[in-house]
Protein backbone atom coordinates (compact mmCIF):
# COMPACT_ATOMS: atom_id res chain seq x y z
CA UNK A 1 20.65 18.39 -2.12
CA UNK A 2 18.76 15.80 -0.08
CA UNK A 3 15.87 14.35 -2.06
CA UNK A 4 12.34 14.64 -0.70
CA UNK A 5 12.13 10.85 -0.88
CA UNK A 6 15.07 10.65 1.50
CA UNK A 7 13.47 13.07 3.94
CA UNK A 8 10.09 11.34 4.08
CA UNK A 9 11.30 7.80 3.53
CA UNK A 10 13.94 8.14 6.22
CA UNK A 11 11.29 9.35 8.63
CA UNK A 12 8.96 6.48 7.80
CA UNK A 13 11.68 3.92 8.33
CA UNK A 14 12.24 5.22 11.85
CA UNK A 15 8.77 4.18 12.92
CA UNK A 16 9.68 2.27 16.08
CA UNK A 17 8.68 5.02 18.49
CA UNK A 18 7.78 4.91 22.13
CA UNK A 19 4.62 6.69 23.24
CA UNK A 20 6.64 9.43 24.91
CA UNK A 21 8.23 10.23 21.57
CA UNK A 22 4.89 10.33 19.80
CA UNK A 23 2.93 12.83 21.86
CA UNK A 24 -0.80 12.78 22.55
CA UNK A 25 -4.00 14.74 22.86
CA UNK A 26 -7.74 14.71 23.23
CA UNK A 27 -10.95 15.93 21.68
CA UNK A 28 -11.47 17.66 18.39
CA UNK A 29 -12.39 16.74 14.83
CA UNK A 30 -15.23 17.58 12.50
CA UNK A 31 -18.72 16.31 13.29
CA UNK A 32 -19.39 15.94 9.57
CA UNK A 33 -17.01 12.99 9.48
CA UNK A 34 -19.51 11.00 11.56
CA UNK A 35 -22.51 11.74 9.33
CA UNK A 36 -24.75 8.73 8.98
CA UNK A 37 -24.54 7.62 12.62
CA UNK A 38 -24.20 4.10 13.99
CA UNK A 39 -25.65 1.37 11.78
CA UNK A 40 -24.08 -1.88 13.04
CA UNK A 41 -25.80 -4.50 15.18
CA UNK A 42 -24.01 -6.72 17.73
CA UNK A 43 -25.32 -10.14 18.74
CA UNK A 44 -24.10 -13.05 20.85
CA UNK A 45 -23.07 -14.80 17.64
CA UNK A 46 -21.22 -12.02 15.83
CA UNK A 47 -19.66 -9.83 18.55
CA UNK A 48 -16.32 -11.69 18.52
CA UNK A 49 -16.03 -11.46 14.74
CA UNK A 50 -16.72 -7.71 14.81
CA UNK A 51 -14.21 -7.28 17.65
CA UNK A 52 -11.56 -9.19 15.69
CA UNK A 53 -11.93 -6.81 12.77
CA UNK A 54 -11.76 -3.74 15.01
CA UNK A 55 -8.65 -5.05 16.76
CA UNK A 56 -6.82 -5.83 13.53
CA UNK A 57 -7.95 -2.99 11.27
CA UNK A 58 -8.34 -0.14 13.78
CA UNK A 59 -6.71 -0.70 17.17
CA UNK A 60 -3.57 -2.52 16.07
CA UNK A 61 -2.63 -0.09 13.34
CA UNK A 62 -3.74 2.90 15.43
CA UNK A 63 -1.49 1.95 18.31
CA UNK A 64 1.37 1.46 15.90
CA UNK A 65 1.51 5.25 16.00
CA UNK A 66 2.95 4.78 19.45
CA UNK A 67 4.16 1.55 20.95
CA UNK A 68 2.35 -1.41 19.44
CA UNK A 69 1.12 -3.83 22.10
CA UNK A 70 2.50 -7.35 22.38
CA UNK A 71 5.59 -6.80 20.29
CA UNK A 72 3.76 -6.54 16.97
CA UNK A 73 6.05 -3.67 16.03
CA UNK A 74 8.89 -6.06 15.30
CA UNK A 75 7.05 -7.60 12.37
CA UNK A 76 8.09 -7.70 8.72
CA UNK A 77 5.23 -5.49 7.53
CA UNK A 78 5.54 -1.89 6.37
CA UNK A 79 6.35 -0.88 9.94
CA UNK A 80 3.87 1.99 9.88
CA UNK A 81 0.11 2.21 9.75
CA UNK A 82 -2.03 5.12 8.51
CA UNK A 83 -1.66 6.95 11.83
CA UNK A 84 2.12 6.88 11.92
CA UNK A 85 2.48 7.65 8.21
CA UNK A 86 0.17 10.68 8.58
CA UNK A 87 1.97 11.95 11.65
CA UNK A 88 5.34 11.79 9.96
CA UNK A 89 4.17 13.40 6.73
CA UNK A 90 2.46 16.27 8.59
CA UNK A 91 5.45 16.90 10.83
CA UNK A 92 7.79 16.83 7.82
CA UNK A 93 5.60 19.33 5.97
CA UNK A 94 5.30 21.71 8.95
CA UNK A 95 9.03 21.52 9.57
CA UNK A 96 9.70 22.37 5.93
CA UNK A 97 7.25 25.30 6.06
CA UNK A 98 8.96 26.70 9.14
CA UNK A 99 12.57 26.24 8.07
CA UNK A 100 12.76 26.95 4.35
CA UNK A 101 13.77 30.34 3.07
CA UNK A 102 10.91 32.42 1.69
CA UNK A 103 11.46 34.64 -1.30
CA UNK A 104 8.12 36.36 -1.87
CA UNK A 105 4.49 36.22 -0.88
CA UNK A 106 1.84 34.27 -2.78
CA UNK A 107 4.47 32.13 -4.47
CA UNK A 108 4.12 28.59 -5.79
CA UNK A 109 7.41 26.76 -6.13
CA UNK A 110 8.22 23.32 -7.49
CA UNK A 111 11.26 21.06 -7.30
CA UNK A 112 11.80 17.64 -8.82
CA UNK A 113 14.41 14.93 -8.74
CA UNK A 114 15.27 11.33 -9.46
CA UNK A 115 14.99 8.69 -6.76
CA UNK A 116 18.09 6.62 -6.05
CA UNK A 117 16.87 3.31 -7.53
CA UNK A 118 14.16 4.36 -9.97
CA UNK A 119 11.30 6.80 -10.50
CA UNK A 120 10.98 10.46 -9.58
CA UNK A 121 9.71 12.73 -6.83
CA UNK A 122 8.20 16.21 -6.99
CA UNK A 123 7.55 18.79 -4.29
CA UNK A 124 5.09 21.67 -4.64
CA UNK A 125 4.79 24.45 -2.04
CA UNK A 126 2.52 27.47 -1.74
CA UNK A 127 3.47 30.39 0.52
CA UNK A 128 1.24 33.36 1.23
CA UNK A 129 3.79 35.32 3.24
CA UNK A 130 7.45 36.04 2.67
CA UNK A 131 8.01 36.29 6.41
CA UNK A 132 6.24 33.41 8.15
CA UNK A 133 4.00 30.40 7.64
CA UNK A 134 0.35 31.32 7.24
CA UNK A 135 -2.92 29.35 7.33
CA UNK A 136 -3.57 28.25 3.76
CA UNK A 137 0.07 27.46 3.00
CA UNK A 138 0.53 23.95 1.69
CA UNK A 139 3.22 21.39 1.04
CA UNK A 140 2.64 18.63 -1.51
CA UNK A 141 4.58 15.44 -2.26
CA UNK A 142 4.16 13.59 -5.56
CA UNK A 143 5.78 10.24 -6.29
CA UNK A 144 6.05 8.41 -9.60
CA UNK A 145 7.25 4.86 -8.84
CA UNK A 146 9.86 6.35 -6.55
CA UNK A 147 12.29 3.82 -5.07
CA UNK A 148 15.43 4.43 -3.06
CA UNK A 149 15.85 0.80 -2.01
CA UNK A 150 15.06 -2.58 -3.49
CA UNK A 151 11.50 -3.55 -2.56
CA UNK A 152 10.59 -0.07 -1.26
CA UNK A 153 8.29 2.08 -3.37
CA UNK A 154 6.25 5.29 -3.12
CA UNK A 155 3.46 6.27 -5.50
CA UNK A 156 0.74 8.91 -5.69
CA UNK A 157 0.19 12.28 -4.09
CA UNK A 158 -0.18 13.66 -0.57
CA UNK A 159 -0.90 17.31 0.25
CA UNK A 160 -0.68 18.98 3.67
CA UNK A 161 -2.47 22.33 4.10
CA UNK A 162 -1.94 24.43 7.22
CA UNK A 163 -5.27 25.39 8.85
CA UNK A 164 -3.93 27.29 11.88
CA UNK A 165 -0.60 28.02 13.54
CA UNK A 166 0.33 29.64 16.85
CA UNK A 167 3.75 29.89 18.46
CA UNK A 168 4.26 31.53 21.83
CA UNK A 169 7.62 31.17 23.54
CA UNK A 170 8.31 27.43 23.84
CA UNK A 171 4.73 26.47 22.96
CA UNK A 172 3.52 25.57 19.48
CA UNK A 173 0.03 24.62 18.32
CA UNK A 174 -1.19 23.99 14.79
CA UNK A 175 -3.91 22.28 12.78
CA UNK A 176 -3.53 20.78 9.32
CA UNK A 177 -5.51 18.91 6.67
CA UNK A 178 -3.82 16.06 4.79
CA UNK A 179 -5.30 14.78 1.53
CA UNK A 180 -4.17 11.43 0.14
CA UNK A 181 -4.72 10.83 -3.57
CA UNK A 182 -3.72 7.35 -4.74
CA UNK A 183 -0.89 7.35 -2.21
CA UNK A 184 0.88 4.06 -1.57
CA UNK A 185 3.91 2.96 0.42
CA UNK A 186 5.42 -0.48 -0.20
CA UNK A 187 8.02 -1.93 2.14
CA UNK A 188 9.14 -5.54 2.42
CA UNK A 189 6.57 -6.57 -0.22
CA UNK A 190 3.68 -5.23 1.91
CA UNK A 191 1.70 -2.32 0.48
CA UNK A 192 -0.21 0.36 2.39
CA UNK A 193 -2.48 2.62 0.31
CA UNK A 194 -4.46 5.67 1.44
CA UNK A 195 -7.18 7.74 -0.25
CA UNK A 196 -9.09 10.45 1.60
CA UNK A 197 -8.70 13.22 4.17
CA UNK A 198 -7.07 13.35 7.60
CA UNK A 199 -7.34 16.30 9.98
CA UNK A 200 -4.71 16.74 12.69
CA UNK A 201 -4.14 18.99 15.67
CA UNK A 202 -0.70 19.11 17.32
CA UNK A 203 0.73 20.96 20.27
CA UNK A 204 3.92 21.12 22.29
CA UNK A 205 4.60 22.88 25.57
CA UNK A 206 7.45 22.60 28.05
CA UNK A 207 5.36 20.09 30.04
CA UNK A 208 3.32 18.12 27.52
CA UNK A 209 2.87 17.27 23.87
CA UNK A 210 -0.24 16.05 22.11
CA UNK A 211 -1.90 15.18 18.84
CA UNK A 212 -5.43 14.47 17.66
CA UNK A 213 -5.87 12.65 14.33
CA UNK A 214 -9.28 12.43 12.65
CA UNK A 215 -9.51 10.00 9.71
CA UNK A 216 -11.89 9.81 6.77
CA UNK A 217 -9.90 7.55 4.44
CA UNK A 218 -10.06 4.31 2.50
CA UNK A 219 -7.18 2.02 3.46
CA UNK A 220 -5.72 -1.03 1.78
CA UNK A 221 -3.29 -2.73 4.15
CA UNK A 222 -1.45 -5.75 2.72
CA UNK A 223 -4.38 -6.43 0.39
CA UNK A 224 -7.03 -6.04 3.10
CA UNK A 225 -9.44 -3.12 2.57
CA UNK A 226 -10.72 -1.00 5.45
CA UNK A 227 -12.58 2.26 5.96
CA UNK A 228 -10.93 4.45 8.61
CA UNK A 229 -13.42 6.90 10.08
CA UNK A 230 -12.27 7.34 13.65
CA UNK A 231 -10.25 9.63 15.87
CA UNK A 232 -7.00 9.00 17.74
CA UNK A 233 -5.95 11.11 20.70
CA UNK A 234 -2.38 11.06 21.99
CA UNK A 235 -0.91 12.76 25.03
CA UNK A 236 2.52 12.47 26.63
CA UNK A 237 4.55 14.13 29.33
CA UNK A 238 7.69 13.31 31.26
CA UNK A 239 5.59 11.32 33.74
CA UNK A 240 3.11 9.40 31.60
CA UNK A 241 1.26 9.10 28.31
CA UNK A 242 -1.89 7.61 26.82
CA UNK A 243 -3.75 6.90 23.59
CA UNK A 244 -7.53 6.99 23.17
CA UNK A 245 -9.97 6.19 20.35
CA UNK A 246 -13.23 7.86 19.38
CA UNK A 247 -15.60 8.32 16.47
CA UNK A 248 -16.65 5.26 14.49
CA UNK A 249 -15.19 1.97 13.33
CA UNK A 250 -16.44 0.58 10.03
CA UNK A 251 -16.75 -3.22 9.73
CA UNK A 252 -18.14 -4.73 6.51
CA UNK A 253 -19.87 -1.46 5.70
CA UNK A 254 -21.54 -1.11 9.12
CA UNK A 255 -20.55 1.65 11.58
CA UNK A 256 -19.96 1.10 15.30
CA UNK A 257 -19.17 3.72 17.92
CA UNK A 258 -15.78 3.69 19.67
CA UNK A 259 -15.77 4.57 23.37
CA UNK A 260 -12.53 4.41 25.32
CA UNK A 261 -13.12 2.63 28.63
CA UNK A 262 -9.51 2.84 29.82
CA UNK A 263 -6.90 4.74 27.76
CA UNK A 264 -4.11 2.64 26.32
CA UNK A 265 -0.82 2.89 28.18
CA UNK A 266 2.69 2.90 26.65
CA UNK A 267 2.83 -0.83 27.45
CA UNK A 268 -0.34 -1.50 25.44
CA UNK A 269 -2.83 -2.14 28.27
CA UNK A 270 -6.27 -0.57 27.97
CA UNK A 271 -9.89 -1.18 27.05
CA UNK A 272 -12.26 0.21 24.42
CA UNK A 273 -15.99 -0.38 23.86
CA UNK A 274 -17.44 -1.01 20.39
CA UNK A 275 -21.07 0.14 20.54
CA UNK A 276 -23.91 -0.74 18.15
CA UNK A 277 -27.08 1.17 17.21
CA UNK A 278 -29.09 -0.37 20.08
CA UNK A 279 -26.53 0.40 22.79
CA UNK A 280 -25.19 -3.16 22.97
CA UNK A 281 -21.40 -3.21 23.13
CA UNK A 282 -18.36 -5.43 23.18
CA UNK A 283 -15.56 -4.38 25.51
CA UNK A 284 -12.10 -5.15 24.12
CA UNK A 285 -9.47 -5.37 26.87
CA UNK A 286 -5.75 -5.57 26.17
CA UNK A 287 -3.40 -6.92 28.85
CA UNK A 288 0.28 -6.02 28.93
CA UNK A 289 1.14 -9.09 30.98
CA UNK A 290 -0.10 -12.30 29.29
CA UNK A 291 -0.46 -11.23 25.63
CA UNK A 292 -4.20 -11.89 25.72
CA UNK A 293 -7.15 -9.88 24.39
CA UNK A 294 -10.52 -10.37 26.09
CA UNK A 295 -13.91 -9.58 24.50
CA UNK A 296 -16.94 -9.13 26.77
CA UNK A 297 -20.37 -8.71 25.18
CA UNK A 298 -22.87 -6.52 27.09
CA UNK A 299 -26.49 -5.89 26.23
CA UNK A 300 -27.77 -2.33 26.60
CA UNK A 301 -28.49 -1.42 30.22
CA UNK A 302 -26.83 -4.56 31.61
CA UNK A 303 -23.47 -4.37 33.38
CA UNK A 304 -22.96 -8.15 33.37
CA UNK A 305 -21.46 -9.65 30.19
CA UNK A 306 -23.57 -12.26 28.41
CA UNK A 307 -20.65 -13.53 26.34
CA UNK A 308 -16.85 -13.69 26.79
CA UNK A 309 -14.14 -14.62 24.30
CA UNK A 310 -10.37 -14.65 24.77
CA UNK A 311 -7.91 -14.23 21.91
CA UNK A 312 -4.18 -14.85 21.78
CA UNK A 313 -2.55 -11.64 20.55
CA UNK A 314 0.10 -13.46 18.52
CA UNK A 315 -2.51 -15.47 16.61
CA UNK A 316 -4.76 -12.47 15.96
CA UNK A 317 -2.09 -10.04 14.81
CA UNK A 318 0.05 -12.46 12.81
CA UNK A 319 -2.09 -12.49 9.61
CA UNK A 320 -2.11 -8.69 9.41
CA UNK A 321 1.41 -7.82 10.47
CA UNK A 322 3.80 -10.68 9.68
């Protein structure tokens, strides 16, 4: 029998995806996640510092779901940010719900096992129907210092609950809620921890696939602590694909709005605005040609930037990903 570590861990290791393989989407999420509004304030002296934090803690790890811009994906870090880890866990759970044999309705089943190197894993499932997956079904992973390779470790609990499911012909659409409880993934001596809730919406048709991911989680990424409270939208087809951000970015306890100016392409080009409580904003523009990131600071109601800063992508990403 293949251990649940092997299933999930193997999926997480294969994190070098192109955007076409990831899928995409748009819109959605719960308004309650944005309670509290925008509290941050941008000035000519702090806009670049705020933009740096958003690029490193939000955009860089968000785009790692797809194709990370500027070659960051080849780093020695965990190889997967909160977005990619969530996607893989949800897809693994839904696949298990659809494929496993069902014995009876309203059944809770458990299975446990030893990990290859050390520690144990446990899987808990709840099925309301003996015939098909049903909203309310859940799939839970629990890890107790579970290691299948030297330097690789899983701890904590993650639970995926199905909120809706619809399958018509070749089209599938579902929504799920993922709850992280002291969950951590360590790879290559870099630890990623997650605590909180993530809501996802996925769909596949013969022409297009998509996913919307709405975060409300505390993240510790290689010792750096962040609050993820934003939305990612992914869409892909045979012809093109794109990634967009929405919701809020939290920097040093202050919230800023995220407004996609130009969706990110598979090559990493795109631009997003970080907006403060007064309507001032810094536009962050990624280029897929010269490995540069440009920040332009705009005051509310003014379409001419009053401040411009250019960052080298290699310098900015290196502390967080290498």
